[in-house]
Amino acid sequence: MKKPIVALVYDFDGTLSPGNMQEFGFIQAIEKSPEKFWRQSDDIARGQDASNILSYMKLMFDEAKKKDIRLRKKDFVNFGKKVELFDGVQEWFQLTKRYGEEKGVQVEHYINSSGLAEIIEGTPIAKEFKRIFACSFIYDENGEAVWPGIAVDYTAKTQFLFKINKGILSMRDAKFVNESQAEDKKRVPWNHMVYFGDGDTDVPCMKIVKMFGGHSIAVYNPEKPNKKATAEKLLRQERVNFIAPTDYSKESRNYRLVCAIIDKIKADWELQRLTRSSR
């Protein structure tokens, strides 16, 4: 490759957005409070000893049916238009891409979320991602959601890191991702990955990226003291490399961290190239 690829991988809820995406339109449409919706979802999971992710997806389906709300892809997209984002998020992606271009690095962005891909696709930043790895529904011949198609919990998230590593964009692929591949043939080396997450459900991904030589950043909403405490705990436990507030502006700590990481990746890549050429 003429230049290295750097993958910036993000959780969504609490990382790029200040709340769960269902709370920006859907929960209001079914006339429930966020607290009641999530309590019901947890009760289903606990009572059935079931997946929390499948439980919330079923609850969305059931509650929409009760209110005679159609759940088509375009309906989810409309909910996505109402999702709030943290400061600087909308400008962040082009900002980091431009910095990468200046340094001779190709920067790519990915979502790795337990939220709904269809809602994320309705947000103004959807076009910035090379791939959105997230939950989704199966739709019938009328285009209406009838069953969960993909459920992404905190351990399932890790598979998508391996797919990014090998350049696999398919959600359903279970063959190529498990095939042996030489490290120098992998599209995005582990040490070229940066993972952004905000809590315990991101820990497996954060730890894997850090363990394999990449960089993990635990972000926290400064308006919620418990979030900073969680990030600090992850740093103390050496599960992440850095912590930072959920500010993505050019003046932010996140931007300074990513620029420094890009500089390091480019320098290491150049050094390896020079080493190979001297043999």
C-alpha atoms as a PDB file:
ATOM      1  CA  MET A   1       0.000   0.000   0.000  1.00  0.00           C
ATOM      2  CA  LYS A   2       1.169   3.511  -0.786  1.00  0.00           C
ATOM      3  CA  LYS A   3      -0.007   4.812   2.571  1.00  0.00           C
ATOM      4  CA  PRO A   4      -1.167   3.283   5.857  1.00  0.00           C
ATOM      5  CA  ILE A   5      -4.846   2.986   6.786  1.00  0.00           C
ATOM      6  CA  VAL A   6      -5.983   4.083  10.241  1.00  0.00           C
ATOM      7  CA  ALA A   7      -9.392   2.865  11.463  1.00  0.00           C
ATOM      8  CA  LEU A   8     -11.254   4.949  14.036  1.00  0.00           C
ATOM      9  CA  VAL A   9     -13.952   2.704  15.521  1.00  0.00           C
ATOM     10  CA  TYR A  10     -16.801   4.090  17.640  1.00  0.00           C
ATOM     11  CA  ASP A  11     -19.510   2.871  19.932  1.00  0.00           C
ATOM     12  CA  PHE A  12     -22.543   5.143  19.423  1.00  0.00           C
ATOM     13  CA  ASP A  13     -24.786   5.637  22.468  1.00  0.00           C
ATOM     14  CA  GLY A  14     -22.916   7.597  25.131  1.00  0.00           C
ATOM     15  CA  THR A  15     -19.889   7.916  22.844  1.00  0.00           C
ATOM     16  CA  LEU A  16     -21.084  10.062  19.933  1.00  0.00           C
ATOM     17  CA  SER A  17     -24.566  10.778  21.313  1.00  0.00           C
ATOM     18  CA  PRO A  18     -25.557  11.819  24.866  1.00  0.00           C
ATOM     19  CA  GLY A  19     -28.250   9.154  25.216  1.00  0.00           C
ATOM     20  CA  ASN A  20     -29.630   5.906  23.876  1.00  0.00           C
ATOM     21  CA  MET A  21     -30.824   6.437  20.304  1.00  0.00           C
ATOM     22  CA  GLN A  22     -34.282   5.037  21.078  1.00  0.00           C
ATOM     23  CA  GLU A  23     -34.813   8.016  23.408  1.00  0.00           C
ATOM     24  CA  PHE A  24     -34.796  10.578  20.584  1.00  0.00           C
ATOM     25  CA  GLY A  25     -38.174   9.899  19.032  1.00  0.00           C
ATOM     26  CA  PHE A  26     -39.130   6.244  19.261  1.00  0.00           C
ATOM     27  CA  ILE A  27     -39.827   6.079  23.002  1.00  0.00           C
ATOM     28  CA  GLN A  28     -41.827   9.298  22.772  1.00  0.00           C
ATOM     29  CA  ALA A  29     -43.845   7.818  19.890  1.00  0.00           C
ATOM     30  CA  ILE A  30     -44.895   4.828  22.019  1.00  0.00           C
ATOM     31  CA  GLU A  31     -45.732   7.222  24.876  1.00  0.00           C
ATOM     32  CA  LYS A  32     -43.323   5.850  27.452  1.00  0.00           C
ATOM     33  CA  SER A  33     -40.577   7.386  29.513  1.00  0.00           C
ATOM     34  CA  PRO A  34     -37.017   6.174  28.875  1.00  0.00           C
ATOM     35  CA  GLU A  35     -36.860   4.854  32.439  1.00  0.00           C
ATOM     36  CA  LYS A  36     -40.005   2.745  31.985  1.00  0.00           C
ATOM     37  CA  PHE A  37     -38.945   1.427  28.566  1.00  0.00           C
ATOM     38  CA  TRP A  38     -35.528   0.264  29.747  1.00  0.00           C
ATOM     39  CA  ARG A  39     -36.930  -1.149  32.977  1.00  0.00           C
ATOM     40  CA  GLN A  40     -39.375  -3.237  30.942  1.00  0.00           C
ATOM     41  CA  SER A  41     -36.597  -4.345  28.625  1.00  0.00           C
ATOM     42  CA  ASP A  42     -34.414  -5.394  31.569  1.00  0.00           C
ATOM     43  CA  ASP A  43     -37.361  -7.236  33.142  1.00  0.00           C
ATOM     44  CA  ILE A  44     -37.846  -9.263  29.947  1.00  0.00           C
ATOM     45  CA  ALA A  45     -34.153 -10.167  29.810  1.00  0.00           C
ATOM     46  CA  ARG A  46     -34.010 -11.020  33.513  1.00  0.00           C
ATOM     47  CA  GLY A  47     -37.288 -12.947  33.561  1.00  0.00           C
ATOM     48  CA  GLN A  48     -36.425 -15.020  30.497  1.00  0.00           C
ATOM     49  CA  ASP A  49     -32.669 -15.195  31.167  1.00  0.00           C
ATOM     50  CA  ALA A  50     -32.389 -13.706  27.698  1.00  0.00           C
ATOM     51  CA  SER A  51     -30.161 -11.327  25.766  1.00  0.00           C
ATOM     52  CA  ASN A  52     -30.610  -7.681  26.759  1.00  0.00           C
ATOM     53  CA  ILE A  53     -30.222  -6.743  23.103  1.00  0.00           C
ATOM     54  CA  LEU A  54     -32.870  -9.128  21.795  1.00  0.00           C
ATOM     55  CA  SER A  55     -35.137  -8.070  24.670  1.00  0.00           C
ATOM     56  CA  TYR A  56     -35.044  -4.377  23.756  1.00  0.00           C
ATOM     57  CA  MET A  57     -35.568  -5.208  20.067  1.00  0.00           C
ATOM     58  CA  LYS A  58     -38.615  -7.331  20.897  1.00  0.00           C
ATOM     59  CA  LEU A  59     -39.979  -4.617  23.179  1.00  0.00           C
ATOM     60  CA  MET A  60     -39.617  -2.029  20.400  1.00  0.00           C
ATOM     61  CA  PHE A  61     -41.500  -4.333  18.046  1.00  0.00           C
ATOM     62  CA  ASP A  62     -44.269  -5.127  20.559  1.00  0.00           C
ATOM     63  CA  GLU A  63     -44.803  -1.555  21.760  1.00  0.00           C
ATOM     64  CA  ALA A  64     -44.922  -0.191  18.212  1.00  0.00           C
ATOM     65  CA  LYS A  65     -47.532  -2.803  17.312  1.00  0.00           C
ATOM     66  CA  LYS A  66     -49.681  -1.779  20.293  1.00  0.00           C
ATOM     67  CA  LYS A  67     -49.639   1.847  19.135  1.00  0.00           C
ATOM     68  CA  ASP A  68     -50.185   0.895  15.487  1.00  0.00           C
ATOM     69  CA  ILE A  69     -46.792   2.409  14.585  1.00  0.00           C
ATOM     70  CA  ARG A  70     -45.230   1.000  11.431  1.00  0.00           C
ATOM     71  CA  LEU A  71     -41.585   0.047  11.691  1.00  0.00           C
ATOM     72  CA  ARG A  72     -40.153   0.310   8.212  1.00  0.00           C
ATOM     73  CA  LYS A  73     -36.587   1.267   7.413  1.00  0.00           C
ATOM     74  CA  LYS A  74     -37.695   4.769   6.535  1.00  0.00           C
ATOM     75  CA  ASP A  75     -39.461   5.062   9.906  1.00  0.00           C
ATOM     76  CA  PHE A  76     -36.272   4.177  11.746  1.00  0.00           C
ATOM     77  CA  VAL A  77     -34.362   6.629   9.570  1.00  0.00           C
ATOM     78  CA  ASN A  78     -36.821   9.356  10.578  1.00  0.00           C
ATOM     79  CA  PHE A  79     -36.186   8.571  14.250  1.00  0.00           C
ATOM     80  CA  GLY A  80     -32.469   8.830  13.506  1.00  0.00           C
ATOM     81  CA  LYS A  81     -32.899  12.399  12.285  1.00  0.00           C
ATOM     82  CA  LYS A  82     -33.836  13.393  15.847  1.00  0.00           C
ATOM     83  CA  VAL A  83     -30.778  11.876  17.533  1.00  0.00           C
ATOM     84  CA  GLU A  84     -28.609  14.421  19.345  1.00  0.00           C
ATOM     85  CA  LEU A  85     -24.823  14.402  18.997  1.00  0.00           C
ATOM     86  CA  PHE A  86     -22.013  15.628  21.215  1.00  0.00           C
ATOM     87  CA  ASP A  87     -20.165  18.875  20.488  1.00  0.00           C
ATOM     88  CA  GLY A  88     -17.982  18.724  17.409  1.00  0.00           C
ATOM     89  CA  VAL A  89     -19.169  15.302  16.218  1.00  0.00           C
ATOM     90  CA  GLN A  90     -20.533  16.470  12.861  1.00  0.00           C
ATOM     91  CA  GLU A  91     -17.228  18.146  11.927  1.00  0.00           C
ATOM     92  CA  TRP A  92     -14.988  15.498  13.500  1.00  0.00           C
ATOM     93  CA  PHE A  93     -14.868  12.991  10.662  1.00  0.00           C
ATOM     94  CA  GLN A  94     -13.689  15.363   7.944  1.00  0.00           C
ATOM     95  CA  LEU A  95     -11.394  17.069  10.440  1.00  0.00           C
ATOM     96  CA  THR A  96      -9.524  13.851  11.199  1.00  0.00           C
ATOM     97  CA  LYS A  97      -9.557  12.745   7.549  1.00  0.00           C
ATOM     98  CA  ARG A  98      -7.926  16.017   6.519  1.00  0.00           C
ATOM     99  CA  TYR A  99      -5.254  15.642   9.163  1.00  0.00           C
ATOM    100  CA  GLY A 100      -4.591  12.115   7.944  1.00  0.00           C
ATOM    101  CA  GLU A 101      -4.294  13.316   4.354  1.00  0.00           C
ATOM    102  CA  GLU A 102      -1.762  15.960   5.427  1.00  0.00           C
ATOM    103  CA  LYS A 103       0.319  13.218   7.037  1.00  0.00           C
ATOM    104  CA  GLY A 104      -0.036  10.713   4.196  1.00  0.00           C
ATOM    105  CA  VAL A 105      -2.440   8.485   6.130  1.00  0.00           C
ATOM    106  CA  GLN A 106      -5.866   7.199   5.023  1.00  0.00           C
ATOM    107  CA  VAL A 107      -8.335   7.630   7.914  1.00  0.00           C
ATOM    108  CA  GLU A 108     -11.504   5.512   7.931  1.00  0.00           C
ATOM    109  CA  HIS A 109     -14.429   5.597  10.367  1.00  0.00           C
ATOM    110  CA  TYR A 110     -16.530   2.665  11.581  1.00  0.00           C
ATOM    111  CA  ILE A 111     -19.471   2.226  13.961  1.00  0.00           C
ATOM    112  CA  ASN A 112     -19.508  -0.782  16.311  1.00  0.00           C
ATOM    113  CA  SER A 113     -22.746  -0.499  18.277  1.00  0.00           C
ATOM    114  CA  SER A 114     -25.453  -2.433  20.108  1.00  0.00           C
ATOM    115  CA  GLY A 115     -27.908   0.183  18.845  1.00  0.00           C
ATOM    116  CA  LEU A 116     -29.877  -0.008  15.609  1.00  0.00           C
ATOM    117  CA  ALA A 117     -28.129   0.452  12.277  1.00  0.00           C
ATOM    118  CA  GLU A 118     -31.367   1.738  10.748  1.00  0.00           C
ATOM    119  CA  ILE A 119     -31.575   4.603  13.264  1.00  0.00           C
ATOM    120  CA  ILE A 120     -27.889   5.471  12.859  1.00  0.00           C
ATOM    121  CA  GLU A 121     -28.466   5.615   9.099  1.00  0.00           C
ATOM    122  CA  GLY A 122     -30.879   8.481   9.710  1.00  0.00           C
ATOM    123  CA  THR A 123     -28.341  10.637  11.548  1.00  0.00           C
ATOM    124  CA  PRO A 124     -26.455  13.386   9.690  1.00  0.00           C
ATOM    125  CA  ILE A 125     -23.156  11.546  10.222  1.00  0.00           C
ATOM    126  CA  ALA A 126     -24.183   8.198   8.672  1.00  0.00           C
ATOM    127  CA  LYS A 127     -22.413   8.985   5.395  1.00  0.00           C
ATOM    128  CA  GLU A 128     -19.078   9.361   7.209  1.00  0.00           C
ATOM    129  CA  PHE A 129     -18.722   5.665   8.049  1.00  0.00           C
ATOM    130  CA  LYS A 130     -17.156   3.038   5.844  1.00  0.00           C
ATOM    131  CA  ARG A 131     -19.345   0.494   7.639  1.00  0.00           C
ATOM    132  CA  ILE A 132     -21.974   0.603  10.372  1.00  0.00           C
ATOM    133  CA  PHE A 133     -21.772  -2.611  12.389  1.00  0.00           C
ATOM    134  CA  ALA A 134     -24.911  -2.647  14.558  1.00  0.00           C
ATOM    135  CA  CYS A 135     -28.206  -4.418  15.274  1.00  0.00           C
ATOM    136  CA  SER A 136     -30.870  -4.580  12.575  1.00  0.00           C
ATOM    137  CA  PHE A 137     -34.244  -6.116  11.790  1.00  0.00           C
ATOM    138  CA  ILE A 138     -35.478  -8.494   9.094  1.00  0.00           C
ATOM    139  CA  TYR A 139     -38.245  -6.988   6.925  1.00  0.00           C
ATOM    140  CA  ASP A 140     -41.205  -8.608   5.172  1.00  0.00           C
ATOM    141  CA  GLU A 141     -42.405  -8.087   1.598  1.00  0.00           C
ATOM    142  CA  ASN A 142     -44.125  -4.871   2.714  1.00  0.00           C
ATOM    143  CA  GLY A 143     -40.901  -3.479   4.117  1.00  0.00           C
ATOM    144  CA  GLU A 144     -41.984  -3.801   7.755  1.00  0.00           C
ATOM    145  CA  ALA A 145     -39.814  -5.150  10.565  1.00  0.00           C
ATOM    146  CA  VAL A 146     -40.868  -8.656  11.578  1.00  0.00           C
ATOM    147  CA  TRP A 147     -37.882 -10.163  13.416  1.00  0.00           C
ATOM    148  CA  PRO A 148     -34.402  -9.286  14.698  1.00  0.00           C
ATOM    149  CA  GLY A 149     -31.834  -9.873  11.984  1.00  0.00           C
ATOM    150  CA  ILE A 150     -28.623  -8.959  13.787  1.00  0.00           C
ATOM    151  CA  ALA A 151     -28.184  -8.619  17.563  1.00  0.00           C
ATOM    152  CA  VAL A 152     -24.872  -7.148  18.706  1.00  0.00           C
ATOM    153  CA  ASP A 153     -24.013  -7.520  22.389  1.00  0.00           C
ATOM    154  CA  TYR A 154     -20.766  -6.536  24.092  1.00  0.00           C
ATOM    155  CA  THR A 155     -18.926  -9.735  23.142  1.00  0.00           C
ATOM    156  CA  ALA A 156     -20.376  -9.896  19.615  1.00  0.00           C
ATOM    157  CA  LYS A 157     -18.863  -6.453  19.054  1.00  0.00           C
ATOM    158  CA  THR A 158     -15.383  -7.982  19.112  1.00  0.00           C
ATOM    159  CA  GLN A 159     -15.987  -9.956  15.904  1.00  0.00           C
ATOM    160  CA  PHE A 160     -16.315  -6.722  13.946  1.00  0.00           C
ATOM    161  CA  LEU A 161     -12.857  -5.612  15.025  1.00  0.00           C
ATOM    162  CA  PHE A 162     -11.463  -8.771  13.424  1.00  0.00           C
ATOM    163  CA  LYS A 163     -13.478  -8.019  10.292  1.00  0.00           C
ATOM    164  CA  ILE A 164     -12.094  -4.485  10.113  1.00  0.00           C
ATOM    165  CA  ASN A 165      -8.635  -5.957  10.646  1.00  0.00           C
ATOM    166  CA  LYS A 166      -9.076  -8.197   7.588  1.00  0.00           C
ATOM    167  CA  GLY A 167     -11.087  -5.758   5.467  1.00  0.00           C
ATOM    168  CA  ILE A 168     -14.373  -7.710   5.656  1.00  0.00           C
ATOM    169  CA  LEU A 169     -17.509  -5.549   5.537  1.00  0.00           C
ATOM    170  CA  SER A 170     -20.168  -8.284   5.542  1.00  0.00           C
ATOM    171  CA  MET A 171     -22.258  -8.618   8.706  1.00  0.00           C
ATOM    172  CA  ARG A 172     -23.031 -12.289   8.127  1.00  0.00           C
ATOM    173  CA  ASP A 173     -19.591 -13.533   7.068  1.00  0.00           C
ATOM    174  CA  ALA A 174     -18.297 -16.232   9.393  1.00  0.00           C
ATOM    175  CA  LYS A 175     -15.880 -17.880   6.971  1.00  0.00           C
ATOM    176  CA  PHE A 176     -13.251 -15.379   5.826  1.00  0.00           C
ATOM    177  CA  VAL A 177     -13.003 -13.727   9.233  1.00  0.00           C
ATOM    178  CA  ASN A 178     -11.849 -17.062  10.705  1.00  0.00           C
ATOM    179  CA  GLU A 179      -9.368 -17.926   7.973  1.00  0.00           C
ATOM    180  CA  SER A 180      -5.686 -17.641   8.747  1.00  0.00           C
ATOM    181  CA  GLN A 181      -4.012 -14.617   7.207  1.00  0.00           C
ATOM    182  CA  ALA A 182      -0.459 -13.313   7.458  1.00  0.00           C
ATOM    183  CA  GLU A 183      -0.184 -10.168   9.568  1.00  0.00           C
ATOM    184  CA  ASP A 184       1.358  -8.163   6.739  1.00  0.00           C
ATOM    185  CA  LYS A 185      -1.613  -9.042   4.493  1.00  0.00           C
ATOM    186  CA  LYS A 186      -4.268  -7.673   6.839  1.00  0.00           C
ATOM    187  CA  ARG A 187      -5.895  -4.490   5.609  1.00  0.00           C
ATOM    188  CA  VAL A 188      -5.886  -2.614   8.933  1.00  0.00           C
ATOM    189  CA  PRO A 189      -3.198  -3.780  11.375  1.00  0.00           C
ATOM    190  CA  TRP A 190      -4.266  -3.802  15.023  1.00  0.00           C
ATOM    191  CA  ASN A 191      -1.795  -1.064  15.879  1.00  0.00           C
ATOM    192  CA  HIS A 192      -3.567   1.132  13.297  1.00  0.00           C
ATOM    193  CA  MET A 193      -6.885   0.959  15.196  1.00  0.00           C
ATOM    194  CA  VAL A 194      -8.330   3.477  17.638  1.00  0.00           C
ATOM    195  CA  TYR A 195     -11.421   2.462  19.617  1.00  0.00           C
ATOM    196  CA  PHE A 196     -13.776   4.967  21.268  1.00  0.00           C
ATOM    197  CA  GLY A 197     -16.225   3.759  23.927  1.00  0.00           C
ATOM    198  CA  ASP A 198     -17.918   5.034  27.040  1.00  0.00           C
ATOM    199  CA  GLY A 199     -18.620   2.160  29.374  1.00  0.00           C
ATOM    200  CA  ASP A 200     -18.466  -1.419  30.563  1.00  0.00           C
ATOM    201  CA  THR A 201     -20.090  -2.852  27.426  1.00  0.00           C
ATOM    202  CA  ASP A 202     -17.126  -1.566  25.408  1.00  0.00           C
ATOM    203  CA  VAL A 203     -14.521  -3.207  27.639  1.00  0.00           C
ATOM    204  CA  PRO A 204     -13.904  -6.352  25.511  1.00  0.00           C
ATOM    205  CA  CYS A 205     -13.290  -4.218  22.395  1.00  0.00           C
ATOM    206  CA  MET A 206     -11.159  -1.689  24.266  1.00  0.00           C
ATOM    207  CA  LYS A 207      -9.054  -4.410  25.806  1.00  0.00           C
ATOM    208  CA  ILE A 208      -8.546  -6.326  22.544  1.00  0.00           C
ATOM    209  CA  VAL A 209      -7.472  -3.226  20.608  1.00  0.00           C
ATOM    210  CA  LYS A 210      -5.064  -2.173  23.376  1.00  0.00           C
ATOM    211  CA  MET A 211      -3.731  -5.710  23.855  1.00  0.00           C
ATOM    212  CA  PHE A 212      -2.894  -6.026  20.140  1.00  0.00           C
ATOM    213  CA  GLY A 213      -1.042  -2.707  20.031  1.00  0.00           C
ATOM    214  CA  GLY A 214      -3.794  -0.282  19.057  1.00  0.00           C
ATOM    215  CA  HIS A 215      -5.190   2.557  21.154  1.00  0.00           C
ATOM    216  CA  SER A 216      -8.415   2.653  23.178  1.00  0.00           C
ATOM    217  CA  ILE A 217     -10.004   5.865  24.430  1.00  0.00           C
ATOM    218  CA  ALA A 218     -12.686   5.840  27.133  1.00  0.00           C
ATOM    219  CA  VAL A 219     -14.803   8.944  26.620  1.00  0.00           C
ATOM    220  CA  TYR A 220     -17.103  10.423  29.253  1.00  0.00           C
ATOM    221  CA  ASN A 221     -19.871  13.005  29.374  1.00  0.00           C
ATOM    222  CA  PRO A 222     -18.630  15.734  31.783  1.00  0.00           C
ATOM    223  CA  GLU A 223     -22.238  16.415  32.776  1.00  0.00           C
ATOM    224  CA  LYS A 224     -22.480  12.932  34.303  1.00  0.00           C
ATOM    225  CA  PRO A 225     -19.901  12.433  37.110  1.00  0.00           C
ATOM    226  CA  ASN A 226     -20.423   8.655  37.157  1.00  0.00           C
ATOM    227  CA  LYS A 227     -19.253   8.466  33.530  1.00  0.00           C
ATOM    228  CA  LYS A 228     -15.892  10.048  34.366  1.00  0.00           C
ATOM    229  CA  ALA A 229     -15.533   7.657  37.309  1.00  0.00           C
ATOM    230  CA  THR A 230     -16.114   4.720  34.935  1.00  0.00           C
ATOM    231  CA  ALA A 231     -13.489   6.022  32.503  1.00  0.00           C
ATOM    232  CA  GLU A 232     -10.981   6.555  35.309  1.00  0.00           C
ATOM    233  CA  LYS A 233     -11.585   3.015  36.544  1.00  0.00           C
ATOM    234  CA  LEU A 234     -10.906   1.613  33.070  1.00  0.00           C
ATOM    235  CA  LEU A 235      -7.670   3.606  32.923  1.00  0.00           C
ATOM    236  CA  ARG A 236      -6.563   2.365  36.352  1.00  0.00           C
ATOM    237  CA  GLN A 237      -7.305  -1.203  35.306  1.00  0.00           C
ATOM    238  CA  GLU A 238      -5.177  -0.654  32.171  1.00  0.00           C
ATOM    239  CA  ARG A 239      -8.052  -1.571  29.881  1.00  0.00           C
ATOM    240  CA  VAL A 240      -7.706   1.681  27.929  1.00  0.00           C
ATOM    241  CA  ASN A 241      -4.806   3.901  26.920  1.00  0.00           C
ATOM    242  CA  PHE A 242      -6.511   7.256  27.458  1.00  0.00           C
ATOM    243  CA  ILE A 243      -9.632   8.970  28.744  1.00  0.00           C
ATOM    244  CA  ALA A 244     -11.211  12.142  27.353  1.00  0.00           C
ATOM    245  CA  PRO A 245     -14.418  14.210  27.581  1.00  0.00           C
ATOM    246  CA  THR A 246     -17.030  13.694  24.847  1.00  0.00           C
ATOM    247  CA  ASP A 247     -15.916  16.777  22.929  1.00  0.00           C
ATOM    248  CA  TYR A 248     -14.847  16.267  19.314  1.00  0.00           C
ATOM    249  CA  SER A 249     -13.998  19.828  18.316  1.00  0.00           C
ATOM    250  CA  LYS A 250     -10.627  20.842  16.906  1.00  0.00           C
ATOM    251  CA  GLU A 251      -9.618  22.166  20.338  1.00  0.00           C
ATOM    252  CA  SER A 252     -10.563  18.922  22.119  1.00  0.00           C
ATOM    253  CA  ARG A 253      -8.388  16.363  23.849  1.00  0.00           C
ATOM    254  CA  ASN A 254      -9.826  13.722  21.499  1.00  0.00           C
ATOM    255  CA  TYR A 255      -8.498  15.587  18.477  1.00  0.00           C
ATOM    256  CA  ARG A 256      -5.049  16.042  20.039  1.00  0.00           C
ATOM    257  CA  LEU A 257      -4.918  12.344  20.946  1.00  0.00           C
ATOM    258  CA  VAL A 258      -5.920  11.162  17.477  1.00  0.00           C
ATOM    259  CA  CYS A 259      -3.456  13.506  15.771  1.00  0.00           C
ATOM    260  CA  ALA A 260      -0.653  12.203  17.995  1.00  0.00           C
ATOM    261  CA  ILE A 261      -1.668   8.594  17.300  1.00  0.00           C
ATOM    262  CA  ILE A 262      -1.738   9.251  13.540  1.00  0.00           C
ATOM    263  CA  ASP A 263       1.735  10.802  13.789  1.00  0.00           C
ATOM    264  CA  LYS A 264       3.018   7.727  15.633  1.00  0.00           C
ATOM    265  CA  ILE A 265       1.437   5.283  13.181  1.00  0.00           C
ATOM    266  CA  LYS A 266       2.928   7.130  10.206  1.00  0.00           C
ATOM    267  CA  ALA A 267       6.378   7.282  11.827  1.00  0.00           C
ATOM    268  CA  ASP A 268       6.315   3.560  12.683  1.00  0.00           C
ATOM    269  CA  TRP A 269       5.098   2.723   9.172  1.00  0.00           C
ATOM    270  CA  GLU A 270       7.908   4.754   7.589  1.00  0.00           C
ATOM    271  CA  LEU A 271      10.464   3.092   9.846  1.00  0.00           C
ATOM    272  CA  GLN A 272       9.227  -0.369   8.864  1.00  0.00           C
ATOM    273  CA  ARG A 273       9.329   0.595   5.193  1.00  0.00           C
ATOM    274  CA  LEU A 274      12.906   1.810   5.530  1.00  0.00           C
ATOM    275  CA  THR A 275      13.861  -1.369   7.379  1.00  0.00           C
ATOM    276  CA  ARG A 276      12.445  -3.573   4.637  1.00  0.00           C
ATOM    277  CA  SER A 277      14.137  -1.592   1.882  1.00  0.00           C
ATOM    278  CA  SER A 278      17.560  -1.972   3.537  1.00  0.00           C
ATOM    279  CA  ARG A 279      17.451  -5.776   3.560  1.00  0.00           C
END
